[in-house]
Amino acid sequence: MQLSQSKKDKIAEQILSFLYYSFPKQPFTAEIAREIARDEEFIKRFLFQLKEKGLIIPIKKNKNGEIFTRRIKWRLTNKVYNIYSKKSKE
C-alpha cells in the first residue's frame, strides 16, 4: 500500500512532536512506534529518513558509554528543538 506524501508528512510530524514533548527523555524506536500506534519497522524507516534530513539524532550508547546492541534511542537536533520551542510559545 502506497502512502500519499501528505500522510507521510503527518506521520513525520507526529514523530517529531512526540520527540519534542518527551524531551529530555530519549525514547527507543519501540516507544515511538507504540505512541504513534504504528508498526516498529515502519517507524524505523521514518526515523532513518528524518535522520538523513538532519532533523533527529540516533543515540547508540547508554549513560555508561556502552553501545546498545539491538536498540536505538532518538532525540531532536538542537536546531529542530529550538524551532519547536519558539512555535510552542506563540
PDB file of N, CA and C in Angstrom:
ATOM      1  N   MET A   1       0.837  -1.180   0.000  1.00  0.00           N
ATOM      2  CA  MET A   1       0.000   0.000   0.000  1.00  0.00           C
ATOM      3  C   MET A   1       0.884   1.247   0.000  1.00  0.00           C
ATOM      4  N   GLN A   2       0.612   2.158  -0.898  1.00  0.00           N
ATOM      5  CA  GLN A   2       1.343   3.415  -1.011  1.00  0.00           C
ATOM      6  C   GLN A   2       0.685   4.472  -0.138  1.00  0.00           C
ATOM      7  N   LEU A   3       1.505   5.231   0.549  1.00  0.00           N
ATOM      8  CA  LEU A   3       1.009   6.362   1.331  1.00  0.00           C
ATOM      9  C   LEU A   3       1.224   7.642   0.546  1.00  0.00           C
ATOM     10  N   SER A   4       0.277   8.535   0.626  1.00  0.00           N
ATOM     11  CA  SER A   4       0.450   9.816  -0.045  1.00  0.00           C
ATOM     12  C   SER A   4       1.501  10.635   0.703  1.00  0.00           C
ATOM     13  N   GLN A   5       2.058  11.605   0.037  1.00  0.00           N
ATOM     14  CA  GLN A   5       3.088  12.441   0.643  1.00  0.00           C
ATOM     15  C   GLN A   5       2.546  13.199   1.852  1.00  0.00           C
ATOM     16  N   SER A   6       1.291  13.612   1.775  1.00  0.00           N
ATOM     17  CA  SER A   6       0.714  14.356   2.902  1.00  0.00           C
ATOM     18  C   SER A   6       0.596  13.467   4.137  1.00  0.00           C
ATOM     19  N   LYS A   7       0.257  12.193   3.953  1.00  0.00           N
ATOM     20  CA  LYS A   7       0.185  11.270   5.088  1.00  0.00           C
ATOM     21  C   LYS A   7       1.574  10.999   5.661  1.00  0.00           C
ATOM     22  N   LYS A   8       2.561  10.870   4.784  1.00  0.00           N
ATOM     23  CA  LYS A   8       3.936  10.672   5.250  1.00  0.00           C
ATOM     24  C   LYS A   8       4.402  11.873   6.058  1.00  0.00           C
ATOM     25  N   ASP A   9       4.057  13.060   5.586  1.00  0.00           N
ATOM     26  CA  ASP A   9       4.431  14.282   6.303  1.00  0.00           C
ATOM     27  C   ASP A   9       3.773  14.344   7.678  1.00  0.00           C
ATOM     28  N   LYS A  10       2.514  13.917   7.758  1.00  0.00           N
ATOM     29  CA  LYS A  10       1.808  13.928   9.037  1.00  0.00           C
ATOM     30  C   LYS A  10       2.432  12.940  10.021  1.00  0.00           C
ATOM     31  N   ILE A  11       2.834  11.778   9.540  1.00  0.00           N
ATOM     32  CA  ILE A  11       3.474  10.787  10.404  1.00  0.00           C
ATOM     33  C   ILE A  11       4.816  11.317  10.891  1.00  0.00           C
ATOM     34  N   ALA A  12       5.578  11.924   9.997  1.00  0.00           N
ATOM     35  CA  ALA A  12       6.858  12.503  10.383  1.00  0.00           C
ATOM     36  C   ALA A  12       6.652  13.614  11.416  1.00  0.00           C
ATOM     37  N   GLU A  13       5.609  14.400  11.230  1.00  0.00           N
ATOM     38  CA  GLU A  13       5.287  15.467  12.176  1.00  0.00           C
ATOM     39  C   GLU A  13       4.916  14.893  13.541  1.00  0.00           C
ATOM     40  N   GLN A  14       4.180  13.787  13.559  1.00  0.00           N
ATOM     41  CA  GLN A  14       3.829  13.132  14.815  1.00  0.00           C
ATOM     42  C   GLN A  14       5.075  12.646  15.546  1.00  0.00           C
ATOM     43  N   ILE A  15       6.009  12.092  14.795  1.00  0.00           N
ATOM     44  CA  ILE A  15       7.258  11.605  15.391  1.00  0.00           C
ATOM     45  C   ILE A  15       8.028  12.765  16.003  1.00  0.00           C
ATOM     46  N   LEU A  16       8.193  13.838  15.243  1.00  0.00           N
ATOM     47  CA  LEU A  16       8.937  15.000  15.746  1.00  0.00           C
ATOM     48  C   LEU A  16       8.249  15.607  16.963  1.00  0.00           C
ATOM     49  N   SER A  17       6.947  15.673  16.921  1.00  0.00           N
ATOM     50  CA  SER A  17       6.197  16.218  18.049  1.00  0.00           C
ATOM     51  C   SER A  17       6.374  15.347  19.290  1.00  0.00           C
ATOM     52  N   PHE A  18       6.302  14.039  19.125  1.00  0.00           N
ATOM     53  CA  PHE A  18       6.489  13.132  20.256  1.00  0.00           C
ATOM     54  C   PHE A  18       7.888  13.297  20.855  1.00  0.00           C
ATOM     55  N   LEU A  19       8.897  13.406  19.998  1.00  0.00           N
ATOM     56  CA  LEU A  19      10.268  13.582  20.495  1.00  0.00           C
ATOM     57  C   LEU A  19      10.409  14.909  21.232  1.00  0.00           C
ATOM     58  N   TYR A  20       9.739  15.944  20.749  1.00  0.00           N
ATOM     59  CA  TYR A  20       9.800  17.238  21.423  1.00  0.00           C
ATOM     60  C   TYR A  20       9.161  17.161  22.809  1.00  0.00           C
ATOM     61  N   TYR A  21       7.967  16.598  22.889  1.00  0.00           N
ATOM     62  CA  TYR A  21       7.251  16.567  24.160  1.00  0.00           C
ATOM     63  C   TYR A  21       7.822  15.549  25.142  1.00  0.00           C
ATOM     64  N   SER A  22       8.613  14.606  24.662  1.00  0.00           N
ATOM     65  CA  SER A  22       9.226  13.643  25.576  1.00  0.00           C
ATOM     66  C   SER A  22      10.606  14.110  26.061  1.00  0.00           C
ATOM     67  N   PHE A  23      11.068  15.267  25.580  1.00  0.00           N
ATOM     68  CA  PHE A  23      12.358  15.811  25.996  1.00  0.00           C
ATOM     69  C   PHE A  23      12.344  16.064  27.496  1.00  0.00           C
ATOM     70  N   PRO A  24      13.374  15.768  28.262  1.00  0.00           N
ATOM     71  CA  PRO A  24      14.718  15.330  27.896  1.00  0.00           C
ATOM     72  C   PRO A  24      14.865  13.820  27.741  1.00  0.00           C
ATOM     73  N   LYS A  25      13.787  13.082  27.955  1.00  0.00           N
ATOM     74  CA  LYS A  25      13.838  11.639  27.762  1.00  0.00           C
ATOM     75  C   LYS A  25      14.109  11.339  26.289  1.00  0.00           C
ATOM     76  N   GLN A  26      14.892  10.329  26.055  1.00  0.00           N
ATOM     77  CA  GLN A  26      15.225   9.932  24.685  1.00  0.00           C
ATOM     78  C   GLN A  26      14.637   8.546  24.436  1.00  0.00           C
ATOM     79  N   PRO A  27      13.471   8.490  23.798  1.00  0.00           N
ATOM     80  CA  PRO A  27      12.770   7.210  23.652  1.00  0.00           C
ATOM     81  C   PRO A  27      13.416   6.278  22.633  1.00  0.00           C
ATOM     82  N   PHE A  28      13.225   4.988  22.875  1.00  0.00           N
ATOM     83  CA  PHE A  28      13.643   3.972  21.915  1.00  0.00           C
ATOM     84  C   PHE A  28      12.641   3.928  20.762  1.00  0.00           C
ATOM     85  N   THR A  29      13.033   3.307  19.674  1.00  0.00           N
ATOM     86  CA  THR A  29      12.176   3.159  18.498  1.00  0.00           C
ATOM     87  C   THR A  29      10.838   2.521  18.874  1.00  0.00           C
ATOM     88  N   ALA A  30      10.874   1.491  19.712  1.00  0.00           N
ATOM     89  CA  ALA A  30       9.654   0.781  20.106  1.00  0.00           C
ATOM     90  C   ALA A  30       8.690   1.705  20.847  1.00  0.00           C
ATOM     91  N   GLU A  31       9.200   2.593  21.689  1.00  0.00           N
ATOM     92  CA  GLU A  31       8.341   3.529  22.420  1.00  0.00           C
ATOM     93  C   GLU A  31       7.659   4.507  21.465  1.00  0.00           C
ATOM     94  N   ILE A  32       8.410   4.968  20.481  1.00  0.00           N
ATOM     95  CA  ILE A  32       7.848   5.901  19.495  1.00  0.00           C
ATOM     96  C   ILE A  32       6.755   5.194  18.699  1.00  0.00           C
ATOM     97  N   ALA A  33       7.031   3.970  18.256  1.00  0.00           N
ATOM     98  CA  ALA A  33       6.045   3.205  17.482  1.00  0.00           C
ATOM     99  C   ALA A  33       4.786   2.959  18.300  1.00  0.00           C
ATOM    100  N   ARG A  34       4.937   2.645  19.578  1.00  0.00           N
ATOM    101  CA  ARG A  34       3.792   2.389  20.446  1.00  0.00           C
ATOM    102  C   ARG A  34       2.952   3.655  20.603  1.00  0.00           C
ATOM    103  N   GLU A  35       3.625   4.784  20.784  1.00  0.00           N
ATOM    104  CA  GLU A  35       2.912   6.052  20.991  1.00  0.00           C
ATOM    105  C   GLU A  35       2.135   6.475  19.739  1.00  0.00           C
ATOM    106  N   ILE A  36       2.700   6.228  18.573  1.00  0.00           N
ATOM    107  CA  ILE A  36       2.071   6.654  17.325  1.00  0.00           C
ATOM    108  C   ILE A  36       1.149   5.569  16.771  1.00  0.00           C
ATOM    109  N   ALA A  37       1.138   4.409  17.418  1.00  0.00           N
ATOM    110  CA  ALA A  37       0.287   3.276  17.031  1.00  0.00           C
ATOM    111  C   ALA A  37       0.591   2.800  15.619  1.00  0.00           C
ATOM    112  N   ARG A  38       1.865   2.595  15.367  1.00  0.00           N
ATOM    113  CA  ARG A  38       2.320   2.082  14.070  1.00  0.00           C
ATOM    114  C   ARG A  38       3.304   0.940  14.307  1.00  0.00           C
ATOM    115  N   ASP A  39       3.550   0.192  13.270  1.00  0.00           N
ATOM    116  CA  ASP A  39       4.497  -0.916  13.312  1.00  0.00           C
ATOM    117  C   ASP A  39       5.912  -0.391  13.540  1.00  0.00           C
ATOM    118  N   GLU A  40       6.696  -1.143  14.309  1.00  0.00           N
ATOM    119  CA  GLU A  40       8.040  -0.705  14.656  1.00  0.00           C
ATOM    120  C   GLU A  40       8.951  -0.539  13.426  1.00  0.00           C
ATOM    121  N   GLU A  41       8.893  -1.466  12.505  1.00  0.00           N
ATOM    122  CA  GLU A  41       9.724  -1.380  11.299  1.00  0.00           C
ATOM    123  C   GLU A  41       9.312  -0.189  10.430  1.00  0.00           C
ATOM    124  N   PHE A  42       8.037   0.065  10.377  1.00  0.00           N
ATOM    125  CA  PHE A  42       7.508   1.203   9.625  1.00  0.00           C
ATOM    126  C   PHE A  42       8.058   2.512  10.196  1.00  0.00           C
ATOM    127  N   ILE A  43       8.006   2.656  11.515  1.00  0.00           N
ATOM    128  CA  ILE A  43       8.502   3.856  12.179  1.00  0.00           C
ATOM    129  C   ILE A  43      10.015   3.956  12.044  1.00  0.00           C
ATOM    130  N   LYS A  44      10.693   2.831  12.098  1.00  0.00           N
ATOM    131  CA  LYS A  44      12.149   2.811  11.966  1.00  0.00           C
ATOM    132  C   LYS A  44      12.582   3.412  10.626  1.00  0.00           C
ATOM    133  N   ARG A  45      11.843   3.082   9.557  1.00  0.00           N
ATOM    134  CA  ARG A  45      12.136   3.660   8.238  1.00  0.00           C
ATOM    135  C   ARG A  45      12.000   5.177   8.271  1.00  0.00           C
ATOM    136  N   PHE A  46      10.925   5.650   8.891  1.00  0.00           N
ATOM    137  CA  PHE A  46      10.706   7.095   9.004  1.00  0.00           C
ATOM    138  C   PHE A  46      11.815   7.746   9.817  1.00  0.00           C
ATOM    139  N   LEU A  47      12.224   7.106  10.905  1.00  0.00           N
ATOM    140  CA  LEU A  47      13.271   7.678  11.752  1.00  0.00           C
ATOM    141  C   LEU A  47      14.580   7.837  10.971  1.00  0.00           C
ATOM    142  N   PHE A  48      14.930   6.841  10.186  1.00  0.00           N
ATOM    143  CA  PHE A  48      16.164   6.954   9.405  1.00  0.00           C
ATOM    144  C   PHE A  48      16.049   8.002   8.302  1.00  0.00           C
ATOM    145  N   GLN A  49      14.854   8.192   7.755  1.00  0.00           N
ATOM    146  CA  GLN A  49      14.662   9.260   6.770  1.00  0.00           C
ATOM    147  C   GLN A  49      14.808  10.627   7.434  1.00  0.00           C
ATOM    148  N   LEU A  50      14.253  10.773   8.629  1.00  0.00           N
ATOM    149  CA  LEU A  50      14.377  12.036   9.368  1.00  0.00           C
ATOM    150  C   LEU A  50      15.830  12.288   9.757  1.00  0.00           C
ATOM    151  N   LYS A  51      16.562  11.224  10.052  1.00  0.00           N
ATOM    152  CA  LYS A  51      17.986  11.344  10.379  1.00  0.00           C
ATOM    153  C   LYS A  51      18.755  11.861   9.156  1.00  0.00           C
ATOM    154  N   GLU A  52      18.453  11.324   7.987  1.00  0.00           N
ATOM    155  CA  GLU A  52      19.120  11.753   6.759  1.00  0.00           C
ATOM    156  C   GLU A  52      18.853  13.224   6.460  1.00  0.00           C
ATOM    157  N   LYS A  53      17.678  13.704   6.849  1.00  0.00           N
ATOM    158  CA  LYS A  53      17.328  15.108   6.636  1.00  0.00           C
ATOM    159  C   LYS A  53      17.932  16.017   7.703  1.00  0.00           C
ATOM    160  N   GLY A  54      18.549  15.422   8.719  1.00  0.00           N
ATOM    161  CA  GLY A  54      19.196  16.207   9.769  1.00  0.00           C
ATOM    162  C   GLY A  54      18.234  16.743  10.813  1.00  0.00           C
ATOM    163  N   LEU A  55      17.091  16.070  10.982  1.00  0.00           N
ATOM    164  CA  LEU A  55      16.102  16.534  11.944  1.00  0.00           C
ATOM    165  C   LEU A  55      16.208  15.843  13.302  1.00  0.00           C
ATOM    166  N   ILE A  56      16.705  14.610  13.298  1.00  0.00           N
ATOM    167  CA  ILE A  56      16.860  13.872  14.546  1.00  0.00           C
ATOM    168  C   ILE A  56      18.237  13.223  14.602  1.00  0.00           C
ATOM    169  N   ILE A  57      18.613  12.811  15.815  1.00  0.00           N
ATOM    170  CA  ILE A  57      19.921  12.199  16.036  1.00  0.00           C
ATOM    171  C   ILE A  57      19.725  10.848  16.717  1.00  0.00           C
ATOM    172  N   PRO A  58      20.362   9.787  16.192  1.00  0.00           N
ATOM    173  CA  PRO A  58      20.284   8.493  16.878  1.00  0.00           C
ATOM    174  C   PRO A  58      21.294   8.456  18.032  1.00  0.00           C
ATOM    175  N   ILE A  59      20.908   7.823  19.110  1.00  0.00           N
ATOM    176  CA  ILE A  59      21.800   7.651  20.252  1.00  0.00           C
ATOM    177  C   ILE A  59      22.009   6.158  20.408  1.00  0.00           C
ATOM    178  N   LYS A  60      23.250   5.729  20.236  1.00  0.00           N
ATOM    179  CA  LYS A  60      23.540   4.302  20.218  1.00  0.00           C
ATOM    180  C   LYS A  60      24.295   3.827  21.451  1.00  0.00           C
ATOM    181  N   LYS A  61      24.520   4.741  22.412  1.00  0.00           N
ATOM    182  CA  LYS A  61      25.234   4.368  23.636  1.00  0.00           C
ATOM    183  C   LYS A  61      24.397   4.747  24.853  1.00  0.00           C
ATOM    184  N   ASN A  62      24.565   3.965  25.918  1.00  0.00           N
ATOM    185  CA  ASN A  62      23.856   4.290  27.151  1.00  0.00           C
ATOM    186  C   ASN A  62      24.658   5.292  27.976  1.00  0.00           C
ATOM    187  N   LYS A  63      24.192   5.588  29.187  1.00  0.00           N
ATOM    188  CA  LYS A  63      24.848   6.583  30.039  1.00  0.00           C
ATOM    189  C   LYS A  63      26.281   6.218  30.373  1.00  0.00           C
ATOM    190  N   ASN A  64      26.560   4.924  30.418  1.00  0.00           N
ATOM    191  CA  ASN A  64      27.903   4.451  30.771  1.00  0.00           C
ATOM    192  C   ASN A  64      28.832   4.340  29.564  1.00  0.00           C
ATOM    193  N   GLY A  65      28.348   4.701  28.403  1.00  0.00           N
ATOM    194  CA  GLY A  65      29.168   4.649  27.191  1.00  0.00           C
ATOM    195  C   GLY A  65      29.161   3.299  26.505  1.00  0.00           C
ATOM    196  N   GLU A  66      28.331   2.385  26.993  1.00  0.00           N
ATOM    197  CA  GLU A  66      28.239   1.068  26.373  1.00  0.00           C
ATOM    198  C   GLU A  66      27.279   1.132  25.185  1.00  0.00           C
ATOM    199  N   ILE A  67      27.651   0.489  24.108  1.00  0.00           N
ATOM    200  CA  ILE A  67      26.851   0.522  22.881  1.00  0.00           C
ATOM    201  C   ILE A  67      25.632  -0.383  23.024  1.00  0.00           C
ATOM    202  N   PHE A  68      24.458   0.140  22.626  1.00  0.00           N
ATOM    203  CA  PHE A  68      23.255  -0.691  22.567  1.00  0.00           C
ATOM    204  C   PHE A  68      23.448  -1.688  21.437  1.00  0.00           C
ATOM    205  N   THR A  69      23.151  -2.948  21.687  1.00  0.00           N
ATOM    206  CA  THR A  69      23.381  -3.953  20.651  1.00  0.00           C
ATOM    207  C   THR A  69      22.250  -4.037  19.637  1.00  0.00           C
ATOM    208  N   ARG A  70      21.008  -3.823  20.076  1.00  0.00           N
ATOM    209  CA  ARG A  70      19.894  -4.011  19.153  1.00  0.00           C
ATOM    210  C   ARG A  70      18.906  -2.856  19.126  1.00  0.00           C
ATOM    211  N   ARG A  71      19.136  -1.844  19.928  1.00  0.00           N
ATOM    212  CA  ARG A  71      18.156  -0.769  20.020  1.00  0.00           C
ATOM    213  C   ARG A  71      18.828   0.585  19.799  1.00  0.00           C
ATOM    214  N   ILE A  72      18.011   1.557  19.443  1.00  0.00           N
ATOM    215  CA  ILE A  72      18.498   2.921  19.236  1.00  0.00           C
ATOM    216  C   ILE A  72      17.536   3.878  19.921  1.00  0.00           C
ATOM    217  N   LYS A  73      18.095   4.850  20.624  1.00  0.00           N
ATOM    218  CA  LYS A  73      17.291   5.931  21.186  1.00  0.00           C
ATOM    219  C   LYS A  73      17.357   7.093  20.204  1.00  0.00           C
ATOM    220  N   TRP A  74      16.384   7.991  20.287  1.00  0.00           N
ATOM    221  CA  TRP A  74      16.319   9.105  19.351  1.00  0.00           C
ATOM    222  C   TRP A  74      16.071  10.405  20.086  1.00  0.00           C
ATOM    223  N   ARG A  75      16.600  11.499  19.513  1.00  0.00           N
ATOM    224  CA  ARG A  75      16.306  12.834  20.026  1.00  0.00           C
ATOM    225  C   ARG A  75      16.346  13.821  18.876  1.00  0.00           C
ATOM    226  N   LEU A  76      15.710  14.975  19.095  1.00  0.00           N
ATOM    227  CA  LEU A  76      15.713  16.034  18.092  1.00  0.00           C
ATOM    228  C   LEU A  76      17.077  16.703  18.054  1.00  0.00           C
ATOM    229  N   THR A  77      17.443  17.240  16.907  1.00  0.00           N
ATOM    230  CA  THR A  77      18.651  18.057  16.848  1.00  0.00           C
ATOM    231  C   THR A  77      18.355  19.364  17.585  1.00  0.00           C
ATOM    232  N   ASN A  78      19.386  20.041  18.007  1.00  0.00           N
ATOM    233  CA  ASN A  78      19.197  21.303  18.736  1.00  0.00           C
ATOM    234  C   ASN A  78      18.429  22.321  17.901  1.00  0.00           C
ATOM    235  N   LYS A  79      18.730  22.386  16.614  1.00  0.00           N
ATOM    236  CA  LYS A  79      18.073  23.336  15.720  1.00  0.00           C
ATOM    237  C   LYS A  79      16.561  23.090  15.678  1.00  0.00           C
ATOM    238  N   VAL A  80      16.160  21.836  15.517  1.00  0.00           N
ATOM    239  CA  VAL A  80      14.746  21.489  15.450  1.00  0.00           C
ATOM    240  C   VAL A  80      14.072  21.718  16.796  1.00  0.00           C
ATOM    241  N   TYR A  81      14.753  21.378  17.878  1.00  0.00           N
ATOM    242  CA  TYR A  81      14.186  21.602  19.215  1.00  0.00           C
ATOM    243  C   TYR A  81      13.904  23.084  19.440  1.00  0.00           C
ATOM    244  N   ASN A  82      14.838  23.938  19.033  1.00  0.00           N
ATOM    245  CA  ASN A  82      14.648  25.380  19.204  1.00  0.00           C
ATOM    246  C   ASN A  82      13.470  25.901  18.376  1.00  0.00           C
ATOM    247  N   ILE A  83      13.303  25.381  17.177  1.00  0.00           N
ATOM    248  CA  ILE A  83      12.177  25.787  16.328  1.00  0.00           C
ATOM    249  C   ILE A  83      10.857  25.387  16.987  1.00  0.00           C
ATOM    250  N   TYR A  84      10.776  24.156  17.496  1.00  0.00           N
ATOM    251  CA  TYR A  84       9.565  23.720  18.176  1.00  0.00           C
ATOM    252  C   TYR A  84       9.299  24.554  19.426  1.00  0.00           C
ATOM    253  N   SER A  85      10.356  24.905  20.143  1.00  0.00           N
ATOM    254  CA  SER A  85      10.198  25.714  21.352  1.00  0.00           C
ATOM    255  C   SER A  85       9.597  27.077  21.029  1.00  0.00           C
ATOM    256  N   LYS A  86      10.086  27.697  19.968  1.00  0.00           N
ATOM    257  CA  LYS A  86       9.569  29.009  19.564  1.00  0.00           C
ATOM    258  C   LYS A  86       8.107  28.920  19.145  1.00  0.00           C
ATOM    259  N   LYS A  87       7.744  27.871  18.414  1.00  0.00           N
ATOM    260  CA  LYS A  87       6.371  27.721  17.953  1.00  0.00           C
ATOM    261  C   LYS A  87       5.423  27.414  19.098  1.00  0.00           C
ATOM    262  N   SER A  88       5.890  26.695  20.088  1.00  0.00           N
ATOM    263  CA  SER A  88       5.002  26.350  21.202  1.00  0.00           C
ATOM    264  C   SER A  88       4.756  27.552  22.108  1.00  0.00           C
ATOM    265  N   LYS A  89       5.650  28.529  22.103  1.00  0.00           N
ATOM    266  CA  LYS A  89       5.482  29.741  22.916  1.00  0.00           C
ATOM    267  C   LYS A  89       4.499  30.715  22.289  1.00  0.00           C
ATOM    268  N   GLU A  90       4.284  30.574  20.986  1.00  0.00           N
ATOM    269  CA  GLU A  90       3.381  31.506  20.281  1.00  0.00           C
ATOM    270  C   GLU A  90       1.935  31.246  20.616  1.00  0.00           C
TER     271      GLU A  90
END
